[in-house]
Protein backbone atom coordinates (compact mmCIF):
# COMPACT_ATOMS: atom_id res chain seq x y z
CA UNK A 1 -9.44 9.29 -9.40
CA UNK A 2 -12.00 6.72 -8.13
CA UNK A 3 -10.80 2.76 -8.76
CA UNK A 4 -13.60 0.44 -9.63
CA UNK A 5 -13.67 -2.91 -9.82
CA UNK A 6 -16.44 -4.66 -11.49
CA UNK A 7 -17.23 -8.44 -11.02
CA UNK A 8 -12.90 -8.67 -11.18
CA UNK A 9 -11.98 -12.33 -9.99
CA UNK A 10 -8.16 -13.79 -10.32
CA UNK A 11 -7.42 -17.59 -10.45
CA UNK A 12 -3.98 -19.05 -9.64
CA UNK A 13 -3.08 -22.65 -10.65
CA UNK A 14 -0.66 -24.04 -7.75
CA UNK A 15 2.32 -26.90 -8.21
CA UNK A 16 -0.25 -29.45 -8.60
CA UNK A 17 -2.61 -27.54 -11.33
CA UNK A 18 -5.31 -26.97 -8.69
CA UNK A 19 -7.04 -23.80 -9.31
CA UNK A 20 -7.00 -21.45 -6.80
CA UNK A 21 -9.45 -18.34 -6.41
CA UNK A 22 -7.28 -15.66 -5.27
CA UNK A 23 -10.33 -12.87 -5.84
CA UNK A 24 -13.55 -13.75 -6.63
CA UNK A 25 -16.17 -11.54 -8.46
CA UNK A 26 -16.02 -8.48 -6.62
CA UNK A 27 -17.53 -5.12 -6.93
CA UNK A 28 -16.76 -2.27 -5.35
CA UNK A 29 -14.81 1.15 -5.53
CA UNK A 30 -11.98 3.14 -3.53
CA UNK A 31 -12.58 6.71 -3.07
CA UNK A 32 -11.00 9.18 -4.74
CA UNK A 33 -8.64 11.52 -2.39
CA UNK A 34 -9.20 9.44 0.04
CA UNK A 35 -7.13 6.92 2.87
CA UNK A 36 -8.74 3.40 1.79
CA UNK A 37 -7.56 0.81 4.24
CA UNK A 38 -7.86 -2.83 3.23
CA UNK A 39 -7.94 -5.33 5.55
CA UNK A 40 -8.94 -8.95 5.93
CA UNK A 41 -7.38 -12.23 7.06
CA UNK A 42 -3.62 -13.88 5.55
CA UNK A 43 -4.81 -14.81 1.53
CA UNK A 44 -8.23 -13.14 1.62
CA UNK A 45 -6.86 -11.56 -1.88
CA UNK A 46 -5.83 -8.25 -0.66
CA UNK A 47 -2.30 -8.17 -2.54
CA UNK A 48 -3.40 -9.66 -5.19
CA UNK A 49 -6.25 -7.03 -5.81
CA UNK A 50 -3.26 -4.24 -5.64
CA UNK A 51 -1.11 -6.37 -8.32
CA UNK A 52 -4.36 -5.96 -10.25
CA UNK A 53 -3.80 -2.69 -10.27
CA UNK A 54 0.36 -2.83 -10.95
CA UNK A 55 -0.02 -4.81 -14.45
CA UNK A 56 1.48 -7.94 -12.56
CA UNK A 57 -1.61 -10.34 -12.65
CA UNK A 58 -3.99 -11.02 -15.24
CA UNK A 59 -7.52 -10.49 -14.07
CA UNK A 60 -10.92 -11.20 -14.95
CA UNK A 61 -13.96 -8.46 -15.08
CA UNK A 62 -13.17 -4.95 -15.46
CA UNK A 63 -11.05 -2.15 -13.01
CA UNK A 64 -12.07 1.45 -14.00
CA UNK A 65 -8.98 3.69 -13.57
CA UNK A 66 -10.65 6.80 -13.23
CA UNK A 67 -12.89 7.22 -16.42
CA UNK A 68 -10.45 4.89 -18.46
CA UNK A 69 -10.44 0.88 -18.13
CA UNK A 70 -7.15 -0.01 -16.45
CA UNK A 71 -6.37 -3.10 -19.29
CA UNK A 72 -5.96 0.08 -22.23
CA UNK A 73 -3.33 1.72 -19.58
CA UNK A 74 0.34 0.53 -20.22
CA UNK A 75 1.81 0.09 -16.40
CA UNK A 76 4.17 2.47 -17.28
CA UNK A 77 1.60 4.99 -17.81
CA UNK A 78 -0.46 4.46 -14.80
CA UNK A 79 1.78 6.68 -12.27
CA UNK A 80 1.23 4.42 -9.50
CA UNK A 81 3.72 4.26 -6.59
CA UNK A 82 3.93 0.74 -4.75
CA UNK A 83 5.77 -0.12 -1.53
CA UNK A 84 5.19 -3.51 -0.36
CA UNK A 85 7.01 -5.69 2.16
CA UNK A 86 9.60 -7.94 -0.78
CA UNK A 87 10.26 -4.49 -2.87
CA UNK A 88 13.44 -4.42 -3.45
CA UNK A 89 16.25 -1.82 -3.84
CA UNK A 90 19.18 -1.86 -6.05
CA UNK A 91 22.03 -3.23 -3.56
CA UNK A 92 25.16 -1.72 -5.41
CA UNK A 93 23.65 1.87 -5.41
CA UNK A 94 23.47 4.30 -3.13
CA UNK A 95 20.56 5.62 -0.59
CA UNK A 96 20.34 8.81 -2.45
CA UNK A 97 21.00 7.25 -6.02
CA UNK A 98 17.66 4.48 -5.13
CA UNK A 99 15.70 7.14 -4.31
CA UNK A 100 16.41 9.64 -7.18
CA UNK A 101 15.51 7.10 -9.65
CA UNK A 102 11.61 7.83 -10.04
CA UNK A 103 12.69 11.69 -10.61
CA UNK A 104 15.03 10.98 -12.99
CA UNK A 105 13.10 8.56 -14.87
CA UNK A 106 10.20 11.32 -14.54
CA UNK A 107 13.07 13.91 -15.75
CA UNK A 108 12.47 15.97 -13.09
CA UNK A 109 14.98 19.04 -13.00
CA UNK A 110 18.05 17.74 -10.63
CA UNK A 111 17.51 20.74 -8.07
CA UNK A 112 14.06 20.30 -7.49
CA UNK A 113 15.19 16.51 -7.32
CA UNK A 114 17.90 17.00 -4.75
CA UNK A 115 15.27 19.44 -2.32
CA UNK A 116 12.73 16.64 -2.74
CA UNK A 117 14.65 14.06 -1.41
CA UNK A 118 16.38 15.65 1.32
CA UNK A 119 13.23 17.00 2.42
CA UNK A 120 11.72 13.50 2.33
CA UNK A 121 14.62 11.79 3.71
CA UNK A 122 15.44 14.00 6.41
CA UNK A 123 11.71 13.77 7.83
CA UNK A 124 12.09 9.83 7.71
CA UNK A 125 15.28 10.38 9.78
CA UNK A 126 17.71 8.64 7.11
CA UNK A 127 19.00 11.53 5.35
CA UNK A 128 22.78 10.67 7.16
CA UNK A 129 22.16 7.20 4.62
CA UNK A 130 22.58 8.79 1.61
CA UNK A 131 25.88 8.14 0.76
CA UNK A 132 25.60 4.28 1.92
CA UNK A 133 25.24 1.22 -0.04
CA UNK A 134 21.33 -0.01 0.46
CA UNK A 135 22.86 -3.73 0.81
CA UNK A 136 24.65 -2.89 4.54
CA UNK A 137 21.05 -0.96 5.95
CA UNK A 138 19.18 -2.79 8.26
CA UNK A 139 15.64 -3.99 7.57
CA UNK A 140 13.96 -0.54 9.41
CA UNK A 141 16.23 1.26 7.28
CA UNK A 142 15.35 -0.57 4.20
CA UNK A 143 11.93 -0.03 4.78
CA UNK A 144 12.14 3.69 5.13
CA UNK A 145 14.58 4.48 2.00
CA UNK A 146 11.93 2.41 0.16
CA UNK A 147 8.97 4.46 1.20
CA UNK A 148 10.65 7.39 0.52
CA UNK A 149 11.68 5.91 -2.84
CA UNK A 150 7.69 5.97 -2.92
CA UNK A 151 7.25 9.10 -1.17
CA UNK A 152 9.51 11.86 -3.73
CA UNK A 153 7.40 10.53 -6.61
CA UNK A 154 4.03 12.87 -7.37
CA UNK A 155 1.66 9.99 -8.75
CA UNK A 156 -2.21 9.52 -9.06
CA UNK A 157 -2.24 6.87 -6.84
CA UNK A 158 -0.35 5.38 -3.57
CA UNK A 159 -0.67 1.79 -2.70
CA UNK A 160 1.47 0.39 0.51
CA UNK A 161 1.61 -3.27 0.90
CA UNK A 162 2.20 -3.91 4.59
CA UNK A 163 5.45 -1.65 3.96
CA UNK A 164 5.53 -0.75 8.16
CA UNK A 165 5.93 -4.26 9.27
CA UNK A 166 9.56 -3.70 9.71
CA UNK A 167 8.81 -0.75 11.49
CA UNK A 168 9.12 0.31 14.93
CA UNK A 169 6.17 1.64 16.88
CA UNK A 170 7.74 5.34 16.35
CA UNK A 171 8.68 5.11 12.98
CA UNK A 172 5.22 3.64 12.06
CA UNK A 173 3.23 6.12 13.73
CA UNK A 174 5.70 8.77 11.85
CA UNK A 175 5.16 6.86 8.12
CA UNK A 176 1.58 7.27 8.83
CA UNK A 177 1.75 10.98 9.67
CA UNK A 178 3.36 12.04 6.41
CA UNK A 179 0.75 9.55 4.81
CA UNK A 180 -2.17 11.65 6.44
CA UNK A 181 -0.79 15.14 6.47
CA UNK A 182 1.21 14.92 3.45
CA UNK A 183 -0.07 13.01 0.95
CA UNK A 184 -3.68 14.65 1.73
CA UNK A 185 -5.64 14.82 -1.48
CA UNK A 186 -4.29 12.06 -2.85
CA UNK A 187 -5.87 8.78 -3.84
CA UNK A 188 -4.32 5.77 -1.24
CA UNK A 189 -4.77 2.49 -1.02
CA UNK A 190 -2.89 1.35 2.53
CA UNK A 191 -3.12 -2.95 3.30
CA UNK A 192 -2.52 -3.66 6.86
CA UNK A 193 -3.00 -6.49 9.04
CA UNK A 194 -2.47 -3.99 12.06
CA UNK A 195 -6.14 -3.19 12.97
CA UNK A 196 -5.24 -0.31 15.56
CA UNK A 197 -3.32 1.10 12.64
CA UNK A 198 -5.98 0.63 10.50
CA UNK A 199 -8.23 2.46 12.37
CA UNK A 200 -5.97 5.28 13.04
CA UNK A 201 -5.07 5.89 10.01
CA UNK A 202 -8.05 5.28 7.33
CA UNK A 203 -11.02 7.47 5.77
CA UNK A 204 -12.81 4.06 4.99
CA UNK A 205 -11.75 0.73 5.99
CA UNK A 206 -12.77 -2.41 2.96
CA UNK A 207 -13.34 -6.07 4.01
CA UNK A 208 -12.10 -8.67 2.51
CA UNK A 209 -12.74 -12.72 3.34
CA UNK A 210 -11.92 -15.76 1.41
CA UNK A 211 -11.25 -13.48 -1.67
CA UNK A 212 -14.89 -11.91 -1.34
CA UNK A 213 -15.25 -8.25 -0.83
CA UNK A 214 -17.63 -7.60 2.54
CA UNK A 215 -17.81 -3.90 3.18
CA UNK A 216 -16.50 -0.33 3.42
CA UNK A 217 -17.03 1.41 6.79
CA UNK A 218 -15.66 4.23 8.36
CA UNK A 219 -13.54 3.58 11.55
CA UNK A 220 -16.72 4.13 13.62
CA UNK A 221 -18.73 1.82 11.99
CA UNK A 222 -16.32 -0.93 11.77
CA UNK A 223 -15.91 -0.85 15.33
CA UNK A 224 -19.72 -1.21 15.73
CA UNK A 225 -20.50 -3.33 13.31
CA UNK A 226 -21.48 -6.98 13.92
CA UNK A 227 -20.52 -8.43 10.85
CA UNK A 228 -18.34 -11.93 11.82
CA UNK A 229 -14.95 -11.41 9.71
CA UNK A 230 -15.03 -7.36 11.11
CA UNK A 231 -15.55 -8.59 15.05
CA UNK A 232 -12.59 -11.80 14.35
CA UNK A 233 -10.18 -8.30 13.35
CA UNK A 234 -11.51 -6.43 16.18
CA UNK A 235 -10.82 -9.69 18.82
CA UNK A 236 -7.04 -9.37 17.47
CA UNK A 237 -6.87 -6.01 19.33
CA UNK A 238 -8.43 -7.13 22.49
CA UNK A 239 -6.46 -10.27 22.53
CA UNK A 240 -3.48 -7.71 22.46
CA UNK A 241 -4.34 -5.61 24.85
CA UNK A 242 -4.87 -8.69 27.47
CA UNK A 243 -1.46 -9.31 26.91
CA UNK A 244 -0.50 -6.14 28.09
CA UNK A 245 -2.10 -6.96 31.51
C-alpha cells in the first residue's frame, strides 16, 4: 500500500519548554511493494516519521495508509512490523517464545507457526539459541532475534529503523538479502545512516534534512545528484574509502 504524508509536522517540547520541530510540513509518498530507504543526518526526523506510523507520537496534518486516514485506524489494526535499535525483547522468556509472540497474537496454527519460526531462525543462524533466555544473548544475537520476530509476521508494512546497527558485515548482508528476496512485494521503509547499505538495498532513496523532505531518488539518481545534502551524505562513503588506503 502507498503511504502518503500530507503537510505533516511533529513538534516536541524539550526540558526548557522550548518547542522543537522534528518534522516540518512534509508532503510525499512512499511507494507500495518497494524498498523505500530513508536517509539523512542525525536528528533530521527519520525516526519521528516512523513513530507517526506506529502511533507512538502525535502529528499535525494527514497520513494516508493505503486509502484510509491513519488516525482512523487503531494502532493494533495497522498490521505493521517495526524494529529499531531500542526495541526490547522479554528478558526472562526464551528466544522461541519471543519470536512466537506475534504469531500467537494473530492465532496462527501452532504447527504452521513452528515451521515459520524454524525456517527464519535457521536462515539467520540463531536456531541454536531457541531455548536460551534473551538476557544471555550478545548484542548481535539480540538484533537477529528482534529481526526474526519481525520477519515471522505477515505484515502490510515493515519498518526497519537502524535495525542492523549492531550486526557485523556478514550478518548485515544476510539480513538485507532476506529483505530483498523473501519480503519481495511487501512495502518496506528502511532507515539507515549507512549510505553504502542504502545504495545496495534501495528501490528508492528518500532524503530528509532538518525535518524537511528533500526528494526521492533511485540509487543511480542519488549518486548523480547535485543536491547539497545528498553530496554531504555521499562524502561519508568517500571518507570511508580514504581510511582504507
